[in-house]
Amino acid sequence: MLKLVKLEWKKNNITKYTRCALITSLAMLLFILLTAKELEAQETVEMYGENMLIAGVDLFNNIAFIIFTCVMLSAFSVSPYQNKTIYLMFSYPIKRRKIMAAQILAVWSFNFLSLVLSKLFSYCVLLLTKTATAGSIPLGHYEFYLNILIGSAAIVSISFLSLFVGLRLKSSKAAIVTGVIIACFTQGNIGSYTLSHNLPFYCSLLLLSFAAVFLSVYSVETKDVL
């Protein structure tokens, strides 16, 4: 499976996505720094401390990598159906399910690692720039890193709802639009109401995501690609 994952990375030019992920992380960091400076100017950050900074890092990075994951899914898994190049892939002496699983694992592992590193990078820069109350971010507590790992895994996994939509419609655009909708629902807010910390909502989305991935992989052996 690892060889297939590496093959998918090579075939889709993972270097290009690495550069894009780095640029995305830097762009999100810029937004975070600007937001932190604005909060400092308004003295709002003193009221909420590191919780506001952590919320900002999570918000910007989660939105960015939900969409980034969906873009990669559209390129790795949906585009071959849309462009009919899936015929060539399915001509390999390998089970279709294994090929699809390799694509999914290639996208999931890349984005999970990228999201974790992006968040850690943001926190480190906030400390180095001596942003107000950044020194109180609990970088020395293992629960802090555990929350980053679990949260990043959940965000990337939820993004795979777009895979089912994209494959169903055989449309890369549909997969990306689904990613934008997921980002709005999971990270957006209406007034003071938000679903970003609603555990039942996230659990429901995770279950739907697992079901979507299972259906996408399970049916690929017998599904007509026409």
Protein backbone atom coordinates (compact mmCIF):
# COMPACT_ATOMS: atom_id res chain seq x y z
CA MET A 1 0.00 0.00 0.00
CA LEU A 2 2.85 2.40 0.81
CA LYS A 3 4.25 1.90 -2.69
CA LEU A 4 0.87 2.71 -4.19
CA VAL A 5 0.61 5.84 -2.05
CA LYS A 6 4.05 6.97 -3.21
CA LEU A 7 3.05 6.22 -6.80
CA GLU A 8 -0.04 8.42 -6.40
CA TRP A 9 2.09 11.23 -5.00
CA LYS A 10 4.54 10.92 -7.88
CA LYS A 11 1.82 10.68 -10.52
CA ASN A 12 0.06 13.79 -9.23
CA ASN A 13 3.28 15.76 -8.66
CA ILE A 14 3.17 16.03 -4.87
CA THR A 15 5.93 18.65 -4.98
CA LYS A 16 3.43 21.07 -6.49
CA TYR A 17 0.99 20.44 -3.66
CA THR A 18 3.75 20.80 -1.09
CA ARG A 19 4.53 24.27 -2.42
CA CYS A 20 0.84 25.16 -2.43
CA ALA A 21 0.42 23.90 1.14
CA LEU A 22 3.38 26.02 2.25
CA ILE A 23 1.99 29.11 0.54
CA THR A 24 -1.41 28.41 2.11
CA SER A 25 0.14 28.10 5.58
CA LEU A 26 2.03 31.39 5.16
CA ALA A 27 -1.12 33.14 3.94
CA MET A 28 -3.11 31.87 6.92
CA LEU A 29 -0.30 32.94 9.25
CA LEU A 30 -0.50 36.45 7.80
CA PHE A 31 -4.23 36.59 8.50
CA ILE A 32 -3.63 35.32 12.05
CA LEU A 33 -0.94 37.93 12.74
CA LEU A 34 -3.09 40.73 11.35
CA THR A 35 -6.03 39.57 13.44
CA ALA A 36 -3.86 39.34 16.56
CA LYS A 37 -2.52 42.86 16.01
CA GLU A 38 -6.03 44.20 15.52
CA LEU A 39 -7.20 42.52 18.73
CA GLU A 40 -4.21 43.96 20.58
CA ALA A 41 -5.03 47.44 19.30
CA GLN A 42 -8.58 47.05 20.59
CA GLU A 43 -7.31 45.45 23.83
CA THR A 44 -9.76 42.61 23.21
CA VAL A 45 -7.14 39.90 23.42
CA GLU A 46 -6.47 40.75 27.06
CA MET A 47 -10.03 39.66 27.92
CA TYR A 48 -9.81 36.25 26.26
CA GLY A 49 -6.10 35.46 26.33
CA GLU A 50 -4.71 32.49 24.47
CA ASN A 51 -8.18 31.04 23.81
CA MET A 52 -8.80 33.69 21.18
CA LEU A 53 -5.44 33.07 19.55
CA ILE A 54 -6.00 29.30 19.50
CA ALA A 55 -9.47 29.85 18.02
CA GLY A 56 -7.97 32.06 15.32
CA VAL A 57 -5.26 29.55 14.42
CA ASP A 58 -7.84 26.75 14.25
CA LEU A 59 -10.32 28.79 12.25
CA PHE A 60 -8.02 30.00 9.48
CA ASN A 61 -6.09 26.76 9.10
CA ASN A 62 -9.17 24.53 9.24
CA ILE A 63 -10.96 26.50 6.53
CA ALA A 64 -7.89 26.52 4.31
CA PHE A 65 -7.16 22.81 4.58
CA ILE A 66 -10.76 21.66 4.26
CA ILE A 67 -10.79 23.29 0.83
CA PHE A 68 -7.21 22.16 0.10
CA THR A 69 -8.15 18.55 0.88
CA CYS A 70 -11.14 18.74 -1.45
CA VAL A 71 -8.99 20.19 -4.22
CA MET A 72 -6.56 17.29 -3.87
CA LEU A 73 -9.40 14.76 -3.80
CA SER A 74 -10.78 16.23 -7.00
CA ALA A 75 -7.36 15.86 -8.66
CA PHE A 76 -6.44 12.42 -7.27
CA SER A 77 -9.81 10.62 -7.41
CA VAL A 78 -12.52 12.60 -9.19
CA SER A 79 -10.67 13.94 -12.25
CA PRO A 80 -9.72 10.43 -13.51
CA TYR A 81 -13.45 9.62 -13.70
CA GLN A 82 -14.25 12.95 -15.28
CA ASN A 83 -11.43 12.68 -17.86
CA LYS A 84 -11.91 8.91 -18.45
CA THR A 85 -8.26 8.23 -17.51
CA ILE A 86 -9.61 5.88 -14.87
CA TYR A 87 -9.63 3.20 -17.59
CA LEU A 88 -5.82 3.22 -17.65
CA MET A 89 -5.61 3.01 -13.86
CA PHE A 90 -8.05 0.10 -13.72
CA SER A 91 -6.04 -1.77 -16.35
CA TYR A 92 -3.28 -2.31 -13.77
CA PRO A 93 -3.12 -5.84 -12.29
CA ILE A 94 -4.28 -4.39 -8.97
CA LYS A 95 -7.74 -4.40 -7.42
CA ARG A 96 -9.68 -1.23 -8.01
CA ARG A 97 -10.42 -0.91 -4.30
CA LYS A 98 -6.73 -0.94 -3.51
CA ILE A 99 -6.07 1.83 -6.03
CA MET A 100 -8.90 3.92 -4.61
CA ALA A 101 -7.73 3.28 -1.03
CA ALA A 102 -4.21 4.39 -1.99
CA GLN A 103 -5.57 7.64 -3.44
CA ILE A 104 -7.59 8.31 -0.31
CA LEU A 105 -4.67 7.53 2.00
CA ALA A 106 -2.32 9.69 -0.10
CA VAL A 107 -4.60 12.71 0.23
CA TRP A 108 -5.53 12.13 3.89
CA SER A 109 -1.97 11.63 5.16
CA PHE A 110 -0.61 14.63 3.24
CA ASN A 111 -3.29 17.02 4.46
CA PHE A 112 -3.28 15.73 8.03
CA LEU A 113 0.47 16.28 8.31
CA SER A 114 0.24 19.66 6.55
CA LEU A 115 -2.54 20.89 8.85
CA VAL A 116 -0.72 19.79 12.01
CA LEU A 117 2.54 21.44 10.89
CA SER A 118 0.73 24.59 9.79
CA LYS A 119 -0.91 25.01 13.20
CA LEU A 120 2.32 24.35 15.08
CA PHE A 121 4.16 26.79 12.81
CA SER A 122 1.54 29.46 13.52
CA TYR A 123 1.85 29.01 17.29
CA CYS A 124 5.65 29.16 17.14
CA VAL A 125 5.59 32.38 15.09
CA LEU A 126 3.10 33.94 17.51
CA LEU A 127 5.52 33.20 20.34
CA LEU A 128 8.55 34.48 18.43
CA THR A 129 6.79 37.71 17.51
CA LYS A 130 5.81 38.14 21.16
CA THR A 131 2.15 38.60 20.36
CA ALA A 132 0.17 39.55 23.46
CA THR A 133 -0.68 36.55 25.69
CA ALA A 134 0.95 34.18 23.17
CA GLY A 135 3.34 33.21 25.93
CA SER A 136 0.42 31.60 27.76
CA ILE A 137 -0.30 29.18 24.90
CA PRO A 138 0.27 25.76 26.56
CA LEU A 139 3.00 24.45 24.27
CA GLY A 140 4.44 22.45 27.16
CA HIS A 141 1.31 20.38 27.77
CA TYR A 142 0.75 17.12 25.92
CA GLU A 143 -3.04 17.73 25.91
CA PHE A 144 -2.42 20.73 23.67
CA TYR A 145 -0.68 18.58 21.03
CA LEU A 146 -3.26 15.82 21.43
CA ASN A 147 -6.03 18.31 20.67
CA ILE A 148 -4.17 19.46 17.57
CA LEU A 149 -3.76 15.88 16.33
CA ILE A 150 -7.36 14.87 17.00
CA GLY A 151 -8.79 18.11 15.65
CA SER A 152 -6.68 17.96 12.48
CA ALA A 153 -7.62 14.32 11.86
CA ALA A 154 -11.31 15.18 12.27
CA ILE A 155 -11.16 18.18 9.95
CA VAL A 156 -9.36 16.31 7.17
CA SER A 157 -11.68 13.29 7.54
CA ILE A 158 -14.82 15.43 7.34
CA SER A 159 -13.53 16.90 4.07
CA PHE A 160 -13.91 13.47 2.45
CA LEU A 161 -17.65 14.03 2.20
CA SER A 162 -16.73 15.86 -1.00
CA LEU A 163 -15.31 12.63 -2.46
CA PHE A 164 -18.71 10.95 -2.58
CA VAL A 165 -20.34 14.03 -4.14
CA GLY A 166 -17.57 14.42 -6.71
CA LEU A 167 -17.62 10.76 -7.73
CA ARG A 168 -21.40 10.69 -7.81
CA LEU A 169 -21.56 13.65 -10.19
CA LYS A 170 -18.20 12.89 -11.85
CA SER A 171 -17.33 16.54 -11.35
CA SER A 172 -14.21 18.09 -9.80
CA LYS A 173 -16.04 21.38 -9.41
CA ALA A 174 -18.77 19.69 -7.40
CA ALA A 175 -16.16 18.25 -5.02
CA ILE A 176 -14.55 21.65 -4.48
CA VAL A 177 -17.88 23.43 -4.01
CA THR A 178 -18.82 20.77 -1.45
CA GLY A 179 -15.57 21.56 0.37
CA VAL A 180 -16.48 25.25 0.54
CA ILE A 181 -19.92 24.36 1.92
CA ILE A 182 -18.35 22.07 4.53
CA ALA A 183 -15.96 24.86 5.57
CA CYS A 184 -18.85 27.32 5.94
CA PHE A 185 -20.96 24.93 8.03
CA THR A 186 -18.17 23.70 10.29
CA GLN A 187 -16.21 26.94 10.79
CA GLY A 188 -18.70 29.71 10.10
CA ASN A 189 -21.09 31.44 12.44
CA ILE A 190 -24.36 33.36 12.35
CA GLY A 191 -24.12 36.09 14.94
CA SER A 192 -22.95 34.38 18.12
CA TYR A 193 -24.12 30.92 17.00
CA THR A 194 -21.56 28.52 15.55
CA LEU A 195 -21.20 24.78 15.01
CA SER A 196 -17.40 24.84 15.18
CA HIS A 197 -17.35 23.33 18.69
CA ASN A 198 -20.52 21.27 18.48
CA LEU A 199 -19.36 17.73 19.27
CA PRO A 200 -22.56 15.90 18.16
CA PHE A 201 -22.48 17.79 14.86
CA TYR A 202 -18.85 16.84 14.24
CA CYS A 203 -19.48 13.20 15.18
CA SER A 204 -22.39 13.08 12.74
CA LEU A 205 -20.23 14.51 9.96
CA LEU A 206 -17.46 12.03 10.73
CA LEU A 207 -19.89 9.12 10.51
CA LEU A 208 -21.21 10.45 7.21
CA SER A 209 -17.66 10.88 5.96
CA PHE A 210 -16.69 7.30 6.87
CA ALA A 211 -19.85 6.06 5.16
CA ALA A 212 -19.06 8.14 2.06
CA VAL A 213 -15.53 6.75 1.83
CA PHE A 214 -16.74 3.19 2.40
CA LEU A 215 -19.38 3.47 -0.32
CA SER A 216 -16.89 5.06 -2.71
CA VAL A 217 -14.34 2.27 -2.23
CA TYR A 218 -16.76 -0.64 -1.85
CA SER A 219 -18.66 -0.02 -5.10
CA VAL A 220 -15.63 0.67 -7.30
CA GLU A 221 -15.07 -3.02 -8.19
CA THR A 222 -18.42 -3.41 -9.90
CA LYS A 223 -19.32 0.17 -10.72
CA ASP A 224 -19.42 1.07 -14.40
CA VAL A 225 -17.04 3.95 -15.05
CA LEU A 226 -18.88 5.12 -18.16
